[in-house]
Amino acid sequence: MVGVHAQGAPSWWRTRTGIAVIGFALVAAFYVLREHWGHAFGALPYSILLACPLLHLFMHHGHGHGGGGQNAGSDRGTGAK
């Protein structure tokens, strides 16, 4: 299946402006990391620990947790316990 943007205008990231923004962001990230290398790697264990709850928050959004899924009321009225 072909993407939505294949027939019409390209996505923003593939335009001249998008490529320029990506280039400037990469150069800025290089210089920031070069100057603050020790701080960046010092915070790495904490960012890995922070990634766990953030992944659970954003990635488990479609699993039907919380009783709102499609099988939430499937055994009502059947007498099953």
N, C-alpha and C. Protein backbone atom coordinates (compact mmCIF):
# COMPACT_ATOMS: atom_id res chain seq x y z
N MET A 1 0.84 -1.18 0.00
CA MET A 1 0.00 0.00 0.00
C MET A 1 0.89 1.24 0.00
N VAL A 2 0.54 2.19 -0.80
CA VAL A 2 1.31 3.42 -0.94
C VAL A 2 0.82 4.42 0.09
N GLY A 3 1.74 5.20 0.67
CA GLY A 3 1.39 6.18 1.69
C GLY A 3 0.47 7.27 1.17
N VAL A 4 -0.10 8.00 2.08
CA VAL A 4 -1.04 9.07 1.73
C VAL A 4 -0.35 10.18 0.97
N HIS A 5 0.90 10.46 1.33
CA HIS A 5 1.61 11.59 0.74
C HIS A 5 2.24 11.24 -0.61
N ALA A 6 2.17 10.00 -1.05
CA ALA A 6 2.84 9.61 -2.28
C ALA A 6 2.18 10.24 -3.51
N GLN A 7 0.88 10.44 -3.48
CA GLN A 7 0.18 10.97 -4.63
C GLN A 7 0.16 12.49 -4.65
N GLY A 8 0.10 13.10 -3.49
CA GLY A 8 0.02 14.56 -3.41
C GLY A 8 1.36 15.17 -3.10
N ALA A 9 1.34 16.21 -2.31
CA ALA A 9 2.57 16.91 -1.91
C ALA A 9 3.38 16.03 -0.97
N PRO A 10 4.71 16.16 -1.00
CA PRO A 10 5.55 15.36 -0.09
C PRO A 10 5.33 15.80 1.36
N SER A 11 5.68 14.91 2.27
CA SER A 11 5.55 15.27 3.68
C SER A 11 6.49 16.42 4.01
N TRP A 12 6.24 17.09 5.11
CA TRP A 12 7.00 18.28 5.47
C TRP A 12 8.48 18.00 5.61
N TRP A 13 8.83 16.80 6.12
CA TRP A 13 10.23 16.46 6.36
C TRP A 13 11.02 16.31 5.06
N ARG A 14 10.35 16.13 3.94
CA ARG A 14 11.04 15.94 2.66
C ARG A 14 11.07 17.21 1.82
N THR A 15 10.57 18.31 2.36
CA THR A 15 10.65 19.58 1.65
C THR A 15 12.00 20.23 1.92
N ARG A 16 12.30 21.29 1.19
CA ARG A 16 13.57 22.00 1.42
C ARG A 16 13.66 22.53 2.84
N THR A 17 12.57 23.07 3.32
CA THR A 17 12.56 23.63 4.68
C THR A 17 12.77 22.53 5.72
N GLY A 18 12.12 21.41 5.54
CA GLY A 18 12.26 20.31 6.49
C GLY A 18 13.67 19.77 6.53
N ILE A 19 14.29 19.62 5.35
CA ILE A 19 15.67 19.12 5.30
C ILE A 19 16.62 20.13 5.95
N ALA A 20 16.38 21.42 5.73
CA ALA A 20 17.22 22.45 6.35
C ALA A 20 17.07 22.44 7.87
N VAL A 21 15.86 22.27 8.36
CA VAL A 21 15.62 22.22 9.81
C VAL A 21 16.33 21.01 10.41
N ILE A 22 16.24 19.86 9.73
CA ILE A 22 16.91 18.65 10.22
C ILE A 22 18.42 18.87 10.26
N GLY A 23 18.96 19.50 9.21
CA GLY A 23 20.40 19.77 9.18
C GLY A 23 20.85 20.67 10.30
N PHE A 24 20.13 21.77 10.52
CA PHE A 24 20.48 22.68 11.61
C PHE A 24 20.34 22.00 12.97
N ALA A 25 19.32 21.16 13.13
CA ALA A 25 19.13 20.45 14.41
C ALA A 25 20.28 19.47 14.66
N LEU A 26 20.74 18.79 13.62
CA LEU A 26 21.87 17.87 13.79
C LEU A 26 23.16 18.60 14.16
N VAL A 27 23.41 19.73 13.51
CA VAL A 27 24.61 20.51 13.82
C VAL A 27 24.52 21.04 15.25
N ALA A 28 23.37 21.56 15.64
CA ALA A 28 23.20 22.08 17.00
C ALA A 28 23.36 20.96 18.03
N ALA A 29 22.80 19.79 17.76
CA ALA A 29 22.93 18.66 18.68
C ALA A 29 24.40 18.24 18.82
N PHE A 30 25.13 18.26 17.71
CA PHE A 30 26.55 17.91 17.76
C PHE A 30 27.31 18.85 18.69
N TYR A 31 27.11 20.16 18.52
CA TYR A 31 27.85 21.12 19.34
C TYR A 31 27.41 21.09 20.80
N VAL A 32 26.13 20.89 21.05
CA VAL A 32 25.66 20.82 22.44
C VAL A 32 26.23 19.58 23.11
N LEU A 33 26.19 18.44 22.42
CA LEU A 33 26.73 17.21 23.01
C LEU A 33 28.25 17.29 23.18
N ARG A 34 28.92 17.97 22.27
CA ARG A 34 30.37 18.08 22.37
C ARG A 34 30.77 18.88 23.61
N GLU A 35 30.03 19.91 23.90
CA GLU A 35 30.34 20.75 25.07
C GLU A 35 29.86 20.13 26.38
N HIS A 36 28.82 19.33 26.34
CA HIS A 36 28.21 18.79 27.56
C HIS A 36 28.21 17.27 27.56
N TRP A 37 29.28 16.67 27.06
CA TRP A 37 29.38 15.22 26.94
C TRP A 37 29.24 14.52 28.30
N GLY A 38 29.89 15.03 29.30
CA GLY A 38 29.83 14.42 30.64
C GLY A 38 28.44 14.50 31.25
N HIS A 39 27.78 15.62 31.04
CA HIS A 39 26.42 15.75 31.57
C HIS A 39 25.45 14.82 30.85
N ALA A 40 25.61 14.69 29.53
CA ALA A 40 24.70 13.86 28.75
C ALA A 40 24.81 12.40 29.17
N PHE A 41 26.04 11.89 29.32
CA PHE A 41 26.19 10.50 29.73
C PHE A 41 25.93 10.31 31.22
N GLY A 42 26.05 11.35 32.00
CA GLY A 42 25.71 11.24 33.42
C GLY A 42 24.23 11.09 33.64
N ALA A 43 23.43 11.65 32.73
CA ALA A 43 21.98 11.55 32.85
C ALA A 43 21.41 10.35 32.12
N LEU A 44 22.23 9.59 31.41
CA LEU A 44 21.74 8.46 30.62
C LEU A 44 21.02 7.40 31.46
N PRO A 45 21.52 6.97 32.61
CA PRO A 45 20.76 5.98 33.40
C PRO A 45 19.40 6.49 33.84
N TYR A 46 19.33 7.76 34.18
CA TYR A 46 18.04 8.31 34.60
C TYR A 46 17.08 8.42 33.43
N SER A 47 17.57 8.72 32.24
CA SER A 47 16.68 8.82 31.09
C SER A 47 16.18 7.44 30.67
N ILE A 48 16.98 6.40 30.88
CA ILE A 48 16.50 5.05 30.60
C ILE A 48 15.39 4.69 31.57
N LEU A 49 15.57 5.03 32.84
CA LEU A 49 14.52 4.76 33.83
C LEU A 49 13.26 5.59 33.55
N LEU A 50 13.42 6.80 33.07
CA LEU A 50 12.28 7.63 32.74
C LEU A 50 11.56 7.13 31.49
N ALA A 51 12.28 6.48 30.60
CA ALA A 51 11.68 5.97 29.37
C ALA A 51 10.67 4.86 29.65
N CYS A 52 10.87 4.08 30.69
CA CYS A 52 9.96 2.96 31.00
C CYS A 52 8.53 3.44 31.25
N PRO A 53 8.29 4.37 32.18
CA PRO A 53 6.91 4.80 32.38
C PRO A 53 6.35 5.55 31.18
N LEU A 54 7.20 6.29 30.47
CA LEU A 54 6.70 7.00 29.29
C LEU A 54 6.29 6.03 28.20
N LEU A 55 7.04 4.96 28.00
CA LEU A 55 6.66 3.96 27.01
C LEU A 55 5.36 3.28 27.41
N HIS A 56 5.19 2.96 28.68
CA HIS A 56 3.94 2.35 29.12
C HIS A 56 2.77 3.31 28.93
N LEU A 57 3.01 4.57 29.17
CA LEU A 57 1.95 5.56 29.03
C LEU A 57 1.51 5.70 27.58
N PHE A 58 2.47 5.77 26.66
CA PHE A 58 2.13 6.03 25.26
C PHE A 58 1.92 4.76 24.44
N MET A 59 2.62 3.69 24.75
CA MET A 59 2.54 2.50 23.91
C MET A 59 1.38 1.57 24.26
N HIS A 60 0.93 1.57 25.50
CA HIS A 60 -0.16 0.69 25.90
C HIS A 60 -1.51 1.37 25.78
N HIS A 61 -1.58 2.42 25.01
CA HIS A 61 -2.81 3.19 24.89
C HIS A 61 -3.92 2.40 24.20
N GLY A 62 -3.60 1.53 23.27
CA GLY A 62 -4.62 0.84 22.49
C GLY A 62 -4.92 -0.57 22.93
N HIS A 63 -4.49 -1.00 24.12
CA HIS A 63 -4.70 -2.37 24.54
C HIS A 63 -6.05 -2.62 25.19
N GLY A 64 -6.83 -1.61 25.43
CA GLY A 64 -8.12 -1.81 26.06
C GLY A 64 -8.04 -1.90 27.57
N HIS A 65 -6.97 -1.46 28.18
CA HIS A 65 -6.86 -1.46 29.63
C HIS A 65 -7.84 -0.45 30.21
N GLY A 66 -8.30 -0.71 31.39
CA GLY A 66 -9.21 0.21 32.06
C GLY A 66 -10.67 -0.11 31.83
N GLY A 67 -10.98 -1.26 31.26
CA GLY A 67 -12.37 -1.65 31.08
C GLY A 67 -13.05 -1.03 29.89
N GLY A 68 -12.36 -0.32 29.06
CA GLY A 68 -13.00 0.32 27.92
C GLY A 68 -12.82 -0.43 26.62
N GLY A 69 -12.33 -1.66 26.68
CA GLY A 69 -12.07 -2.42 25.47
C GLY A 69 -13.33 -3.02 24.88
N GLN A 70 -13.19 -3.76 23.78
CA GLN A 70 -14.35 -4.31 23.11
C GLN A 70 -14.94 -5.50 23.86
N ASN A 71 -14.20 -6.16 24.73
CA ASN A 71 -14.69 -7.30 25.49
C ASN A 71 -15.08 -6.93 26.91
N ALA A 72 -15.26 -5.65 27.18
CA ALA A 72 -15.51 -5.21 28.56
C ALA A 72 -16.80 -5.77 29.10
N GLY A 73 -17.83 -5.86 28.34
CA GLY A 73 -19.12 -6.34 28.84
C GLY A 73 -19.56 -7.61 28.19
N SER A 74 -18.64 -8.44 27.72
CA SER A 74 -19.01 -9.63 26.96
C SER A 74 -19.62 -10.73 27.83
N ASP A 75 -19.27 -10.79 29.12
CA ASP A 75 -19.82 -11.87 29.93
C ASP A 75 -20.99 -11.40 30.80
N ARG A 76 -21.56 -10.26 30.52
CA ARG A 76 -22.74 -9.81 31.26
C ARG A 76 -23.96 -10.57 30.77
N GLY A 77 -24.73 -11.01 31.69
CA GLY A 77 -25.99 -11.67 31.34
C GLY A 77 -25.82 -13.13 30.99
N THR A 78 -24.63 -13.69 31.03
CA THR A 78 -24.44 -15.10 30.70
C THR A 78 -24.39 -15.97 31.94
N GLY A 79 -24.30 -15.35 33.10
CA GLY A 79 -24.26 -16.10 34.32
C GLY A 79 -22.88 -16.62 34.66
N ALA A 80 -21.89 -16.29 33.89
CA ALA A 80 -20.52 -16.74 34.16
C ALA A 80 -19.92 -15.93 35.29
N LYS A 81 -19.14 -16.60 36.14
CA LYS A 81 -18.51 -15.93 37.25
C LYS A 81 -17.04 -16.10 37.21
